[in-house]
Amino acid sequence: MIIKYLKVLLLLVIGVMFLACDKKVETGVAEVHWDRDMCSRCVMVVSDRKNAVQVRDPNNGKAYMFDDMGCMALWFEEEKIKWKDKAIVWVTDVNNGEFINAREAFYDTNNVTPMAYGFSAHKSKDTIKKGEEVISYDEVIKRVTKTAQ
């Protein structure tokens, strides 16, 4: 009889332990497989290390790769991504290829990019050539989606 109660108690303890384990959603930059990962929108291989974009779903941490900011912006619209305003977005700095927070980055507008949208990210406004237009992440999204309509 005592063994039966111990088994039940053990099952309860194991059950509580599983319930207490909270799965952490990944928010950082996922591993990139250059020249093998494909853009989630246009299915082109992601090769350009200075214009790549990565989006994380804030609900489950799933990562999506893009070869250009424009593809990402259009993917949000075309796929009707409800969590787009909460998405965790990483973009590579055009100067050194480091992934940076896309929402905090500065963008210039006259670049050669994989899909010819022309927007490249900079960690610092100081790295953008004098006289070049400087815009925000929100303005990039607005311009890309406006031209697609």
C-alpha atoms as a PDB file:
ATOM      1  CA  MET A   1       0.000   0.000   0.000  1.00  0.00           C
ATOM      2  CA  ILE A   2       2.826   2.375   0.870  1.00  0.00           C
ATOM      3  CA  ILE A   3       4.539   1.605  -2.453  1.00  0.00           C
ATOM      4  CA  LYS A   4       1.340   2.545  -4.280  1.00  0.00           C
ATOM      5  CA  TYR A   5       1.233   5.931  -2.497  1.00  0.00           C
ATOM      6  CA  LEU A   6       4.924   6.500  -3.158  1.00  0.00           C
ATOM      7  CA  LYS A   7       4.384   5.848  -6.871  1.00  0.00           C
ATOM      8  CA  VAL A   8       1.502   8.334  -6.946  1.00  0.00           C
ATOM      9  CA  LEU A   9       3.588  10.874  -5.022  1.00  0.00           C
ATOM     10  CA  LEU A  10       6.510  10.356  -7.394  1.00  0.00           C
ATOM     11  CA  LEU A  11       4.250  10.868 -10.418  1.00  0.00           C
ATOM     12  CA  LEU A  12       2.864  14.061  -8.867  1.00  0.00           C
ATOM     13  CA  VAL A  13       6.355  15.411  -8.201  1.00  0.00           C
ATOM     14  CA  ILE A  14       7.472  14.627 -11.768  1.00  0.00           C
ATOM     15  CA  GLY A  15       4.296  16.239 -13.138  1.00  0.00           C
ATOM     16  CA  VAL A  16       4.855  19.423 -11.119  1.00  0.00           C
ATOM     17  CA  MET A  17       8.472  19.551 -12.299  1.00  0.00           C
ATOM     18  CA  PHE A  18       7.362  19.391 -15.934  1.00  0.00           C
ATOM     19  CA  LEU A  19       4.787  22.108 -15.378  1.00  0.00           C
ATOM     20  CA  ALA A  20       7.370  24.288 -13.649  1.00  0.00           C
ATOM     21  CA  CYS A  21       9.749  24.044 -16.604  1.00  0.00           C
ATOM     22  CA  ASP A  22       9.073  27.159 -18.640  1.00  0.00           C
ATOM     23  CA  LYS A  23      10.351  26.924 -22.182  1.00  0.00           C
ATOM     24  CA  LYS A  24      12.448  29.984 -22.951  1.00  0.00           C
ATOM     25  CA  VAL A  25      11.786  31.566 -26.342  1.00  0.00           C
ATOM     26  CA  GLU A  26      14.983  32.258 -28.276  1.00  0.00           C
ATOM     27  CA  THR A  27      15.391  35.920 -29.179  1.00  0.00           C
ATOM     28  CA  GLY A  28      19.018  36.174 -30.286  1.00  0.00           C
ATOM     29  CA  VAL A  29      20.526  35.696 -33.699  1.00  0.00           C
ATOM     30  CA  ALA A  30      20.130  32.118 -34.917  1.00  0.00           C
ATOM     31  CA  GLU A  31      23.027  30.331 -36.559  1.00  0.00           C
ATOM     32  CA  VAL A  32      23.311  31.360 -40.194  1.00  0.00           C
ATOM     33  CA  HIS A  33      24.328  28.885 -42.881  1.00  0.00           C
ATOM     34  CA  TRP A  34      25.651  31.289 -45.506  1.00  0.00           C
ATOM     35  CA  ASP A  35      25.138  30.192 -49.086  1.00  0.00           C
ATOM     36  CA  ARG A  36      22.708  27.467 -47.908  1.00  0.00           C
ATOM     37  CA  ASP A  37      19.909  29.213 -45.969  1.00  0.00           C
ATOM     38  CA  MET A  38      17.214  30.540 -48.260  1.00  0.00           C
ATOM     39  CA  CYS A  39      15.174  33.721 -48.089  1.00  0.00           C
ATOM     40  CA  SER A  40      11.771  32.995 -46.569  1.00  0.00           C
ATOM     41  CA  ARG A  41      10.075  35.112 -49.227  1.00  0.00           C
ATOM     42  CA  CYS A  42      11.900  34.816 -52.551  1.00  0.00           C
ATOM     43  CA  VAL A  43      13.753  31.549 -51.836  1.00  0.00           C
ATOM     44  CA  MET A  44      17.066  33.003 -53.044  1.00  0.00           C
ATOM     45  CA  VAL A  45      20.135  31.674 -51.207  1.00  0.00           C
ATOM     46  CA  VAL A  46      21.290  34.110 -48.519  1.00  0.00           C
ATOM     47  CA  SER A  47      24.871  34.997 -49.416  1.00  0.00           C
ATOM     48  CA  ASP A  48      25.263  38.747 -48.906  1.00  0.00           C
ATOM     49  CA  ARG A  49      26.712  39.058 -45.405  1.00  0.00           C
ATOM     50  CA  LYS A  50      26.146  42.816 -45.358  1.00  0.00           C
ATOM     51  CA  ASN A  51      22.419  42.939 -46.181  1.00  0.00           C
ATOM     52  CA  ALA A  52      20.971  39.833 -44.531  1.00  0.00           C
ATOM     53  CA  VAL A  53      17.965  39.982 -42.227  1.00  0.00           C
ATOM     54  CA  GLN A  54      16.717  37.557 -39.613  1.00  0.00           C
ATOM     55  CA  VAL A  55      13.303  37.624 -37.953  1.00  0.00           C
ATOM     56  CA  ARG A  56      12.356  35.767 -34.785  1.00  0.00           C
ATOM     57  CA  ASP A  57       8.731  34.969 -33.984  1.00  0.00           C
ATOM     58  CA  PRO A  58       8.296  36.351 -30.430  1.00  0.00           C
ATOM     59  CA  ASN A  59       5.795  33.598 -29.620  1.00  0.00           C
ATOM     60  CA  ASN A  60       7.955  30.562 -30.315  1.00  0.00           C
ATOM     61  CA  GLY A  61      11.432  31.840 -31.286  1.00  0.00           C
ATOM     62  CA  LYS A  62      11.326  30.416 -34.802  1.00  0.00           C
ATOM     63  CA  ALA A  63      13.872  32.161 -37.046  1.00  0.00           C
ATOM     64  CA  TYR A  64      13.243  33.291 -40.632  1.00  0.00           C
ATOM     65  CA  MET A  65      16.049  34.409 -42.958  1.00  0.00           C
ATOM     66  CA  PHE A  66      15.857  37.071 -45.668  1.00  0.00           C
ATOM     67  CA  ASP A  67      18.324  38.234 -48.283  1.00  0.00           C
ATOM     68  CA  ASP A  68      17.108  41.853 -48.264  1.00  0.00           C
ATOM     69  CA  MET A  69      15.112  44.225 -46.026  1.00  0.00           C
ATOM     70  CA  GLY A  70      12.566  44.553 -48.813  1.00  0.00           C
ATOM     71  CA  CYS A  71      11.831  40.833 -48.868  1.00  0.00           C
ATOM     72  CA  MET A  72      11.261  40.881 -45.120  1.00  0.00           C
ATOM     73  CA  ALA A  73       8.877  43.855 -45.306  1.00  0.00           C
ATOM     74  CA  LEU A  74       6.857  42.294 -48.125  1.00  0.00           C
ATOM     75  CA  TRP A  75       6.808  38.891 -46.380  1.00  0.00           C
ATOM     76  CA  PHE A  76       5.190  40.502 -43.328  1.00  0.00           C
ATOM     77  CA  GLU A  77       2.442  41.890 -45.577  1.00  0.00           C
ATOM     78  CA  GLU A  78       1.960  38.988 -47.981  1.00  0.00           C
ATOM     79  CA  GLU A  79       1.864  36.362 -45.232  1.00  0.00           C
ATOM     80  CA  LYS A  80      -0.277  38.617 -43.004  1.00  0.00           C
ATOM     81  CA  ILE A  81       2.060  38.106 -40.046  1.00  0.00           C
ATOM     82  CA  LYS A  82       0.027  39.207 -37.023  1.00  0.00           C
ATOM     83  CA  TRP A  83       3.070  39.459 -34.771  1.00  0.00           C
ATOM     84  CA  LYS A  84       5.096  41.698 -37.133  1.00  0.00           C
ATOM     85  CA  ASP A  85       5.091  44.646 -34.714  1.00  0.00           C
ATOM     86  CA  LYS A  86       6.480  42.408 -31.963  1.00  0.00           C
ATOM     87  CA  ALA A  87       8.899  40.501 -34.200  1.00  0.00           C
ATOM     88  CA  ILE A  88      12.523  40.430 -33.140  1.00  0.00           C
ATOM     89  CA  VAL A  89      14.409  41.662 -36.194  1.00  0.00           C
ATOM     90  CA  TRP A  90      18.161  41.434 -36.732  1.00  0.00           C
ATOM     91  CA  VAL A  91      19.944  42.936 -39.727  1.00  0.00           C
ATOM     92  CA  THR A  92      23.599  42.928 -40.686  1.00  0.00           C
ATOM     93  CA  ASP A  93      25.541  46.177 -40.503  1.00  0.00           C
ATOM     94  CA  VAL A  94      26.630  46.985 -44.060  1.00  0.00           C
ATOM     95  CA  ASN A  95      30.089  48.010 -42.832  1.00  0.00           C
ATOM     96  CA  ASN A  96      31.134  44.892 -40.913  1.00  0.00           C
ATOM     97  CA  GLY A  97      28.432  42.216 -41.280  1.00  0.00           C
ATOM     98  CA  GLU A  98      27.617  42.203 -37.559  1.00  0.00           C
ATOM     99  CA  PHE A  99      23.976  41.452 -36.734  1.00  0.00           C
ATOM    100  CA  ILE A 100      22.355  44.462 -35.038  1.00  0.00           C
ATOM    101  CA  ASN A 101      18.858  45.324 -33.823  1.00  0.00           C
ATOM    102  CA  ALA A 102      17.037  46.354 -37.009  1.00  0.00           C
ATOM    103  CA  ARG A 103      14.591  48.625 -35.186  1.00  0.00           C
ATOM    104  CA  GLU A 104      17.445  50.669 -33.708  1.00  0.00           C
ATOM    105  CA  ALA A 105      19.589  50.763 -36.867  1.00  0.00           C
ATOM    106  CA  PHE A 106      19.997  53.685 -39.253  1.00  0.00           C
ATOM    107  CA  TYR A 107      19.417  53.105 -42.967  1.00  0.00           C
ATOM    108  CA  ASP A 108      20.702  54.737 -46.097  1.00  0.00           C
ATOM    109  CA  THR A 109      18.832  54.361 -49.344  1.00  0.00           C
ATOM    110  CA  ASN A 110      21.125  54.134 -52.375  1.00  0.00           C
ATOM    111  CA  ASN A 111      22.802  50.763 -52.059  1.00  0.00           C
ATOM    112  CA  VAL A 112      23.211  47.711 -54.236  1.00  0.00           C
ATOM    113  CA  THR A 113      21.295  45.035 -52.303  1.00  0.00           C
ATOM    114  CA  PRO A 114      20.397  41.457 -53.296  1.00  0.00           C
ATOM    115  CA  MET A 115      16.847  42.273 -54.381  1.00  0.00           C
ATOM    116  CA  ALA A 116      17.543  45.910 -55.329  1.00  0.00           C
ATOM    117  CA  TYR A 117      15.469  47.567 -52.606  1.00  0.00           C
ATOM    118  CA  GLY A 118      18.564  49.633 -51.775  1.00  0.00           C
ATOM    119  CA  PHE A 119      18.251  49.884 -47.983  1.00  0.00           C
ATOM    120  CA  SER A 120      21.355  49.037 -45.941  1.00  0.00           C
ATOM    121  CA  ALA A 121      21.636  49.139 -42.152  1.00  0.00           C
ATOM    122  CA  HIS A 122      24.196  50.974 -40.043  1.00  0.00           C
ATOM    123  CA  LYS A 123      24.747  50.597 -36.313  1.00  0.00           C
ATOM    124  CA  SER A 124      25.797  54.240 -36.133  1.00  0.00           C
ATOM    125  CA  LYS A 125      24.571  57.240 -38.087  1.00  0.00           C
ATOM    126  CA  ASP A 126      28.223  58.337 -38.288  1.00  0.00           C
ATOM    127  CA  THR A 127      29.052  55.589 -40.800  1.00  0.00           C
ATOM    128  CA  ILE A 128      26.612  56.938 -43.389  1.00  0.00           C
ATOM    129  CA  LYS A 129      28.248  59.172 -45.981  1.00  0.00           C
ATOM    130  CA  LYS A 130      27.615  62.858 -45.547  1.00  0.00           C
ATOM    131  CA  GLY A 131      24.750  64.052 -47.720  1.00  0.00           C
ATOM    132  CA  GLU A 132      23.093  60.607 -47.915  1.00  0.00           C
ATOM    133  CA  GLU A 133      19.499  60.261 -46.797  1.00  0.00           C
ATOM    134  CA  VAL A 134      19.162  58.589 -43.373  1.00  0.00           C
ATOM    135  CA  ILE A 135      15.893  56.850 -42.509  1.00  0.00           C
ATOM    136  CA  SER A 136      14.481  54.628 -39.742  1.00  0.00           C
ATOM    137  CA  TYR A 137      13.341  51.000 -39.753  1.00  0.00           C
ATOM    138  CA  ASP A 138       9.698  52.114 -39.837  1.00  0.00           C
ATOM    139  CA  GLU A 139      10.375  54.319 -42.865  1.00  0.00           C
ATOM    140  CA  VAL A 140      12.062  51.408 -44.681  1.00  0.00           C
ATOM    141  CA  ILE A 141       8.968  49.249 -44.105  1.00  0.00           C
ATOM    142  CA  LYS A 142       6.671  52.069 -45.201  1.00  0.00           C
ATOM    143  CA  ARG A 143       8.592  52.721 -48.430  1.00  0.00           C
ATOM    144  CA  VAL A 144       8.844  49.056 -49.416  1.00  0.00           C
ATOM    145  CA  THR A 145       5.174  48.297 -48.812  1.00  0.00           C
ATOM    146  CA  LYS A 146       4.069  51.529 -50.515  1.00  0.00           C
ATOM    147  CA  THR A 147       5.909  50.661 -53.741  1.00  0.00           C
ATOM    148  CA  ALA A 148       4.403  47.153 -53.724  1.00  0.00           C
ATOM    149  CA  GLN A 149       0.823  48.411 -53.716  1.00  0.00           C
END
